[in-house]
Amino acid sequence: MKIKLEKLVSNKFQVREKLDKEHLESLVNSFKEDGQWHPIIVRPTDDGYYDIISGHYRYEAAKKLGWKEIEATIKDVDDTESRILALKTNLLDKTMTEIEEGKILKLIMEKDGLTQEEMGKRVGRSHAWVSMRISLVLDIHDDVKKAFTDGKLKASMVNVIGTLEKDLQPKFMNLIFLQNTKNPNDAKKIKLRWLNNSIYTIGFMGKRILEFINIINDNEIKTVIDVRYNTMSQYKADFSKDVLKRELERNNINYFHHQFFGVLPLMRDAVIDGYDSKCFRKWYRWFIIKNQKDNFVKFLDKVKDNGKSVLLCSESHSKPKGDQKHYCHRDFLVEIILEFSQKNKDETYHFINRVDL
């Protein structure tokens, strides 16, 4: 049936943020030449008007042409069905952006209490399809949205970026662009390395194994990296390599041993006996920077790729403190890591914080 344009209300179920002027002009020309092919879909209101559910472009084209009436199909449906019908008809036309789809999906789910799975069934799409579009509108930074609408990012990549805190999203997006990353799985790996930006150290002297593991868990450490030269502990058998590795793995904590970053027993004995700490530092820096360069980069990759990590040695403290009068070599190792990090152009190698547990 035909309905007067003055009786139509267009804004209640309009799912697009804005109308495409080019598409509207094309429809105006089509109406001029061929008339209206398909009726719009409306529903009656209590005050004698009709809400447009589907056909906002056709309505706008008719207004531009000065038409008084337009062909319409009347549906007696509630708000929920109206919103879903509006979305389904627009999905069939394939004229909405993924962000527009996400906004209307989110609106319907919030207003009508539908889960993502229920929403998918109502519109004939998979749970994953709904989830991807919903994630596009959940606290996404404007810079990321613009990159998406400009075609610089795919929806799957926006989903990876959108898992970060909003203020971090543009910086991570720029890192993705810099590394020319196209695969979302690669982006996830880069994100884990990038976020893993604090380096931790710990010594086991004075601690029992259960206390040690509790400290590791309380700080959400994923990996213990043992930098001792000798991993056999005469007085702390629980911290000998095999025992420690077993106990950590029982608690779902990774363990790696890097002997080549340890200190030779003769040098360690000299340090404990009061040998000049400045010389100790110079020797250790020379040893790592000049002799362990290749191992050092591999070591950093392991630290970055295995989640939040802690460097383990025996001394209670990394620096002289209390009864401990000497430095532990882990103090020097962390210094080298931070220096390398700050000079490296690849941000996935960067460490920002140091934490001594």
Protein backbone atom coordinates (compact mmCIF):
# COMPACT_ATOMS: atom_id res chain seq x y z
CA MET A 1 0.00 0.00 0.00
CA LYS A 2 1.03 3.63 -0.40
CA ILE A 3 1.76 5.77 2.65
CA LYS A 4 2.14 9.56 2.74
CA LEU A 5 5.74 10.66 3.38
CA GLU A 6 4.54 13.05 6.06
CA LYS A 7 3.33 10.05 8.06
CA LEU A 8 6.75 8.37 8.13
CA VAL A 9 9.26 8.54 11.03
CA SER A 10 12.79 7.75 9.83
CA ASN A 11 15.16 7.97 12.81
CA LYS A 12 14.09 5.24 15.25
CA PHE A 13 15.49 2.19 13.42
CA GLN A 14 18.07 3.82 11.18
CA VAL A 15 21.15 1.61 11.51
CA ARG A 16 23.67 3.66 9.53
CA GLU A 17 25.67 6.51 11.03
CA LYS A 18 25.32 8.54 7.83
CA LEU A 19 23.86 8.15 4.37
CA ASP A 20 26.09 7.61 1.36
CA LYS A 21 25.40 10.65 -0.85
CA GLU A 22 26.60 8.89 -3.99
CA HIS A 23 24.34 5.89 -3.38
CA LEU A 24 21.41 8.21 -2.61
CA GLU A 25 21.94 10.14 -5.86
CA SER A 26 22.06 6.88 -7.80
CA LEU A 27 18.76 5.83 -6.24
CA VAL A 28 17.19 9.21 -7.10
CA ASN A 29 18.14 8.70 -10.76
CA SER A 30 16.76 5.16 -10.66
CA PHE A 31 13.46 6.39 -9.22
CA LYS A 32 13.24 9.01 -11.98
CA GLU A 33 13.68 6.44 -14.75
CA ASP A 34 12.06 3.29 -13.40
CA GLY A 35 10.02 4.26 -10.36
CA GLN A 36 10.08 2.40 -7.07
CA TRP A 37 10.82 -1.32 -7.49
CA HIS A 38 10.74 -2.46 -3.86
CA PRO A 39 8.49 -1.21 -1.07
CA ILE A 40 9.97 0.06 2.16
CA ILE A 41 9.13 -1.80 5.39
CA VAL A 42 7.34 0.07 8.16
CA ARG A 43 5.42 -0.60 11.35
CA PRO A 44 2.43 1.36 12.68
CA THR A 45 2.68 3.53 15.81
CA ASP A 46 -0.08 4.30 18.29
CA ASP A 47 -0.44 7.89 17.05
CA GLY A 48 -1.16 7.06 13.41
CA TYR A 49 2.40 7.36 12.10
CA TYR A 50 4.76 4.69 10.78
CA ASP A 51 8.33 3.92 11.83
CA ILE A 52 10.59 3.06 8.90
CA ILE A 53 12.31 -0.28 9.56
CA SER A 54 13.98 -0.71 6.18
CA GLY A 55 14.18 1.65 3.22
CA HIS A 56 15.72 4.87 4.54
CA TYR A 57 17.53 5.52 1.24
CA ARG A 58 14.30 5.02 -0.71
CA TYR A 59 12.50 7.37 1.67
CA GLU A 60 15.19 10.07 1.24
CA ALA A 61 15.14 9.63 -2.56
CA ALA A 62 11.36 10.05 -2.62
CA LYS A 63 11.66 13.26 -0.59
CA LYS A 64 14.30 14.63 -2.97
CA LEU A 65 11.97 13.98 -5.90
CA GLY A 66 9.07 15.69 -4.16
CA TRP A 67 6.92 12.57 -3.97
CA LYS A 68 3.95 12.72 -1.64
CA GLU A 69 3.60 8.96 -1.16
CA ILE A 70 5.75 5.82 -1.23
CA GLU A 71 4.96 2.13 -1.55
CA ALA A 72 5.35 0.33 1.81
CA THR A 73 4.89 -3.07 3.44
CA ILE A 74 3.45 -2.84 6.95
CA LYS A 75 4.76 -5.19 9.65
CA ASP A 76 3.16 -5.40 13.08
CA VAL A 77 6.33 -6.09 15.09
CA ASP A 78 7.79 -4.96 18.42
CA ASP A 79 11.00 -2.95 18.94
CA THR A 80 13.25 -6.00 19.15
CA GLU A 81 11.96 -7.54 15.93
CA SER A 82 12.06 -4.14 14.24
CA ARG A 83 15.73 -3.63 15.10
CA ILE A 84 16.64 -7.15 13.99
CA LEU A 85 14.67 -6.81 10.76
CA ALA A 86 16.36 -3.46 10.06
CA LEU A 87 19.77 -5.06 10.55
CA LYS A 88 18.97 -8.17 8.47
CA THR A 89 17.71 -6.18 5.49
CA ASN A 90 20.81 -3.98 5.54
CA LEU A 91 23.08 -7.04 5.81
CA LEU A 92 21.46 -8.40 2.68
CA ASP A 93 22.17 -5.13 0.87
CA LYS A 94 25.83 -5.29 2.03
CA THR A 95 25.97 -1.51 2.34
CA MET A 96 26.94 -1.21 6.03
CA THR A 97 30.47 -0.98 7.35
CA GLU A 98 31.59 -3.56 9.92
CA ILE A 99 31.67 -0.85 12.58
CA GLU A 100 28.07 0.14 11.77
CA GLU A 101 27.11 -3.53 11.99
CA GLY A 102 28.87 -3.77 15.35
CA LYS A 103 27.07 -0.71 16.74
CA ILE A 104 23.60 -1.96 15.86
CA LEU A 105 24.42 -5.47 17.11
CA LYS A 106 25.62 -4.01 20.41
CA LEU A 107 22.54 -1.78 20.67
CA ILE A 108 20.15 -4.69 20.09
CA MET A 109 21.99 -6.94 22.54
CA GLU A 110 22.01 -4.27 25.26
CA LYS A 111 18.37 -3.23 24.78
CA ASP A 112 16.97 -6.73 24.44
CA GLY A 113 19.33 -8.75 26.63
CA LEU A 114 20.57 -11.08 23.90
CA THR A 115 23.87 -12.98 24.04
CA GLN A 116 26.26 -12.98 21.09
CA GLU A 117 25.24 -16.53 20.27
CA GLU A 118 21.52 -15.65 20.37
CA MET A 119 22.18 -12.55 18.26
CA GLY A 120 23.98 -14.64 15.65
CA LYS A 121 21.04 -17.03 15.37
CA ARG A 122 18.57 -14.15 14.97
CA VAL A 123 20.47 -12.59 12.07
CA GLY A 124 21.71 -15.84 10.51
CA ARG A 125 25.38 -15.32 11.29
CA SER A 126 27.97 -17.23 13.31
CA HIS A 127 28.94 -16.44 16.90
CA ALA A 128 32.45 -15.53 15.64
CA TRP A 129 30.97 -13.10 13.08
CA VAL A 130 29.00 -11.32 15.80
CA SER A 131 31.93 -11.33 18.24
CA MET A 132 34.29 -9.74 15.73
CA ARG A 133 31.91 -6.87 14.99
CA ILE A 134 31.06 -6.29 18.64
CA SER A 135 34.75 -6.03 19.48
CA LEU A 136 35.13 -3.28 16.86
CA VAL A 137 32.95 -0.94 18.91
CA LEU A 138 34.20 -1.77 22.41
CA ASP A 139 36.36 1.14 23.51
CA ILE A 140 38.39 1.42 20.30
CA HIS A 141 40.60 4.52 19.99
CA ASP A 142 39.49 7.02 17.33
CA ASP A 143 42.85 6.72 15.52
CA VAL A 144 42.34 2.97 15.17
CA LYS A 145 38.76 3.43 13.96
CA LYS A 146 39.94 5.92 11.34
CA ALA A 147 42.66 3.55 10.13
CA PHE A 148 40.00 0.86 9.81
CA THR A 149 37.49 3.03 7.94
CA ASP A 150 40.32 4.24 5.67
CA GLY A 151 41.06 0.63 4.75
CA LYS A 152 44.48 0.52 6.44
CA LEU A 153 43.43 -2.14 8.95
CA LYS A 154 41.30 -5.24 8.64
CA ALA A 155 38.66 -6.06 11.25
CA SER A 156 40.70 -9.03 12.52
CA MET A 157 43.66 -6.71 13.20
CA VAL A 158 41.45 -4.16 14.96
CA ASN A 159 40.32 -6.98 17.25
CA VAL A 160 43.93 -7.62 18.29
CA ILE A 161 44.62 -3.92 18.86
CA GLY A 162 41.32 -3.50 20.72
CA THR A 163 42.41 -5.86 23.49
CA LEU A 164 44.87 -3.20 24.69
CA GLU A 165 44.07 -0.29 26.96
CA LYS A 166 42.73 2.55 24.86
CA ASP A 167 45.70 4.89 25.30
CA LEU A 168 48.12 2.16 24.14
CA GLN A 169 46.21 1.29 20.97
CA PRO A 170 47.58 4.00 18.60
CA LYS A 171 51.18 3.28 19.59
CA PHE A 172 50.78 -0.45 19.04
CA MET A 173 48.97 0.18 15.75
CA ASN A 174 51.94 2.25 14.55
CA LEU A 175 54.26 -0.60 15.55
CA ILE A 176 52.14 -2.99 13.46
CA PHE A 177 52.40 -0.63 10.49
CA LEU A 178 56.16 -0.20 11.01
CA GLN A 179 56.69 -3.96 10.98
CA ASN A 180 54.29 -4.36 8.04
CA THR A 181 52.38 -7.05 9.91
CA LYS A 182 49.30 -8.37 8.10
CA ASN A 183 48.55 -11.60 9.97
CA PRO A 184 46.56 -11.25 13.24
CA ASN A 185 48.40 -14.22 14.80
CA ASP A 186 51.73 -12.48 14.13
CA ALA A 187 50.28 -9.30 15.63
CA LYS A 188 49.34 -11.21 18.80
CA LYS A 189 52.92 -12.45 19.19
CA ILE A 190 54.26 -8.93 18.68
CA LYS A 191 51.77 -7.62 21.23
CA LEU A 192 52.97 -10.12 23.87
CA ARG A 193 56.60 -9.13 23.31
CA TRP A 194 55.75 -5.43 23.35
CA LEU A 195 53.74 -5.64 26.57
CA ASN A 196 56.44 -7.74 28.24
CA ASN A 197 58.45 -4.63 29.08
CA SER A 198 59.52 -5.12 32.70
CA ILE A 199 62.59 -7.14 33.66
CA TYR A 200 62.61 -8.77 37.11
CA THR A 201 65.43 -10.19 39.26
CA ILE A 202 65.39 -12.39 42.36
CA GLY A 203 67.84 -14.22 44.62
CA PHE A 204 66.91 -17.34 46.57
CA MET A 205 69.31 -16.98 49.53
CA GLY A 206 67.29 -16.72 52.74
CA LYS A 207 64.13 -18.05 51.10
CA ARG A 208 62.46 -21.43 51.28
CA ILE A 209 61.20 -22.98 48.06
CA LEU A 210 57.49 -22.47 48.89
CA GLU A 211 58.10 -18.82 49.80
CA PHE A 212 60.07 -18.39 46.56
CA ILE A 213 57.28 -19.88 44.43
CA ASN A 214 54.68 -17.71 46.19
CA ILE A 215 56.69 -14.59 45.33
CA ILE A 216 56.87 -15.72 41.70
CA ASN A 217 53.12 -16.36 41.55
CA ASP A 218 52.19 -13.15 43.39
CA ASN A 219 54.08 -11.17 40.74
CA GLU A 220 52.49 -13.20 37.89
CA ILE A 221 55.91 -14.34 36.67
CA LYS A 222 55.65 -16.85 33.82
CA THR A 223 59.32 -17.81 33.40
CA VAL A 224 62.33 -18.17 35.70
CA ILE A 225 65.66 -17.71 33.91
CA ASP A 226 68.54 -19.10 35.94
CA VAL A 227 71.75 -17.14 35.25
CA ARG A 228 74.01 -19.04 37.66
CA TYR A 229 77.15 -20.70 36.32
CA ASN A 230 76.86 -23.54 38.82
CA THR A 231 73.31 -24.72 39.55
CA MET A 232 74.22 -27.21 42.28
CA SER A 233 73.45 -25.72 45.69
CA GLN A 234 75.14 -27.46 48.61
CA TYR A 235 73.25 -25.59 51.32
CA LYS A 236 69.96 -24.97 49.46
CA ALA A 237 69.26 -28.30 47.75
CA ASP A 238 65.73 -27.18 46.78
CA PHE A 239 67.35 -24.64 44.46
CA SER A 240 69.58 -27.08 42.61
CA LYS A 241 68.64 -27.13 38.93
CA ASP A 242 66.75 -30.43 38.67
CA VAL A 243 64.76 -29.95 41.88
CA LEU A 244 63.96 -26.30 41.17
CA LYS A 245 62.92 -27.02 37.58
CA ARG A 246 60.56 -29.76 38.74
CA GLU A 247 58.94 -27.62 41.45
CA LEU A 248 58.47 -24.65 39.13
CA GLU A 249 56.94 -26.76 36.37
CA ARG A 250 54.55 -28.26 38.90
CA ASN A 251 53.32 -24.71 39.41
CA ASN A 252 53.07 -24.02 35.65
CA ILE A 253 56.17 -21.80 35.67
CA ASN A 254 58.74 -22.15 32.88
CA TYR A 255 62.40 -22.69 33.78
CA PHE A 256 65.48 -22.03 31.62
CA HIS A 257 69.14 -22.14 32.54
CA HIS A 258 71.69 -19.88 30.81
CA GLN A 259 75.07 -20.91 32.15
CA PHE A 260 76.98 -18.68 29.73
CA PHE A 261 75.68 -15.62 31.62
CA GLY A 262 76.98 -16.92 34.93
CA VAL A 263 80.22 -16.02 36.71
CA LEU A 264 83.13 -18.44 36.89
CA PRO A 265 83.62 -19.79 40.47
CA LEU A 266 87.09 -18.26 40.79
CA MET A 267 85.78 -14.80 39.88
CA ARG A 268 82.76 -15.17 42.16
CA ASP A 269 84.96 -16.16 45.11
CA ALA A 270 87.14 -13.10 44.54
CA VAL A 271 84.08 -10.84 44.53
CA ILE A 272 82.72 -12.31 47.75
CA ASP A 273 86.14 -11.87 49.37
CA GLY A 274 85.98 -8.12 48.66
CA TYR A 275 87.55 -7.80 45.21
CA ASP A 276 86.88 -4.38 43.62
CA SER A 277 83.25 -4.29 42.43
CA LYS A 278 84.09 -1.72 39.71
CA CYS A 279 86.52 -4.15 38.15
CA PHE A 280 83.93 -6.91 38.50
CA ARG A 281 81.38 -4.81 36.64
CA LYS A 282 83.85 -3.91 33.86
CA TRP A 283 84.92 -7.51 33.43
CA TYR A 284 81.33 -8.78 33.29
CA ARG A 285 80.24 -6.14 30.79
CA TRP A 286 83.23 -6.96 28.59
CA PHE A 287 82.45 -10.68 28.89
CA ILE A 288 78.78 -10.30 27.85
CA ILE A 289 79.06 -7.52 25.25
CA LYS A 290 82.19 -8.81 23.51
CA ASN A 291 81.99 -12.57 23.96
CA GLN A 292 78.29 -13.39 24.29
CA LYS A 293 76.74 -11.08 21.69
CA ASP A 294 74.91 -13.79 19.71
CA ASN A 295 73.80 -15.60 22.85
CA PHE A 296 72.61 -12.29 24.30
CA VAL A 297 70.12 -11.62 21.48
CA LYS A 298 68.81 -15.21 21.66
CA PHE A 299 68.51 -14.78 25.41
CA LEU A 300 66.44 -11.60 25.02
CA ASP A 301 64.17 -13.32 22.51
CA LYS A 302 63.52 -16.04 25.08
CA VAL A 303 62.80 -13.45 27.78
CA LYS A 304 60.41 -11.59 25.49
CA ASP A 305 58.65 -14.63 24.02
CA ASN A 306 58.00 -16.47 27.29
CA GLY A 307 56.01 -13.85 29.14
CA LYS A 308 56.94 -11.95 32.27
CA SER A 309 60.36 -13.29 33.29
CA VAL A 310 62.67 -13.10 36.30
CA LEU A 311 66.45 -13.50 36.35
CA LEU A 312 67.48 -15.87 39.14
CA CYS A 313 70.75 -16.04 41.06
CA SER A 314 71.70 -17.07 44.59
CA GLU A 315 72.55 -13.73 46.28
CA SER A 316 69.68 -12.27 48.31
CA HIS A 317 70.11 -8.83 46.76
CA SER A 318 71.31 -7.59 43.41
CA LYS A 319 73.19 -4.72 45.08
CA PRO A 320 75.10 -4.53 48.39
CA LYS A 321 72.61 -4.49 51.25
CA GLY A 322 72.77 -5.45 54.92
CA ASP A 323 75.23 -8.28 55.47
CA GLN A 324 75.74 -8.67 51.70
CA LYS A 325 78.70 -6.45 50.85
CA HIS A 326 79.05 -7.31 47.15
CA TYR A 327 77.07 -6.97 43.93
CA CYS A 328 75.40 -9.91 42.24
CA HIS A 329 76.20 -10.15 38.54
CA ARG A 330 72.47 -10.07 37.75
CA ASP A 331 72.61 -6.36 38.58
CA PHE A 332 75.12 -5.83 35.76
CA LEU A 333 73.16 -8.10 33.40
CA VAL A 334 70.00 -6.05 33.89
CA GLU A 335 71.96 -2.84 33.21
CA ILE A 336 73.17 -4.30 29.90
CA ILE A 337 69.64 -5.45 28.99
CA LEU A 338 68.18 -1.99 29.63
CA GLU A 339 70.95 -0.28 27.65
CA PHE A 340 70.50 -2.63 24.70
CA SER A 341 66.74 -2.17 24.91
CA GLN A 342 66.89 1.62 24.78
CA LYS A 343 69.24 1.64 21.78
CA ASN A 344 67.33 -0.95 19.75
CA LYS A 345 65.02 0.48 17.09
CA ASP A 346 62.79 -2.59 17.33
CA GLU A 347 60.30 -1.71 20.07
CA THR A 348 59.57 -5.38 20.76
CA TYR A 349 63.00 -5.54 22.44
CA HIS A 350 62.30 -2.57 24.71
CA PHE A 351 62.24 -2.85 28.49
CA ILE A 352 60.92 0.10 30.44
CA ASN A 353 60.99 -1.06 34.06
CA ARG A 354 63.32 -2.98 36.36
CA VAL A 355 61.95 -4.74 39.43
CA ASP A 356 64.11 -6.48 42.06
CA LEU A 357 61.98 -8.95 44.03
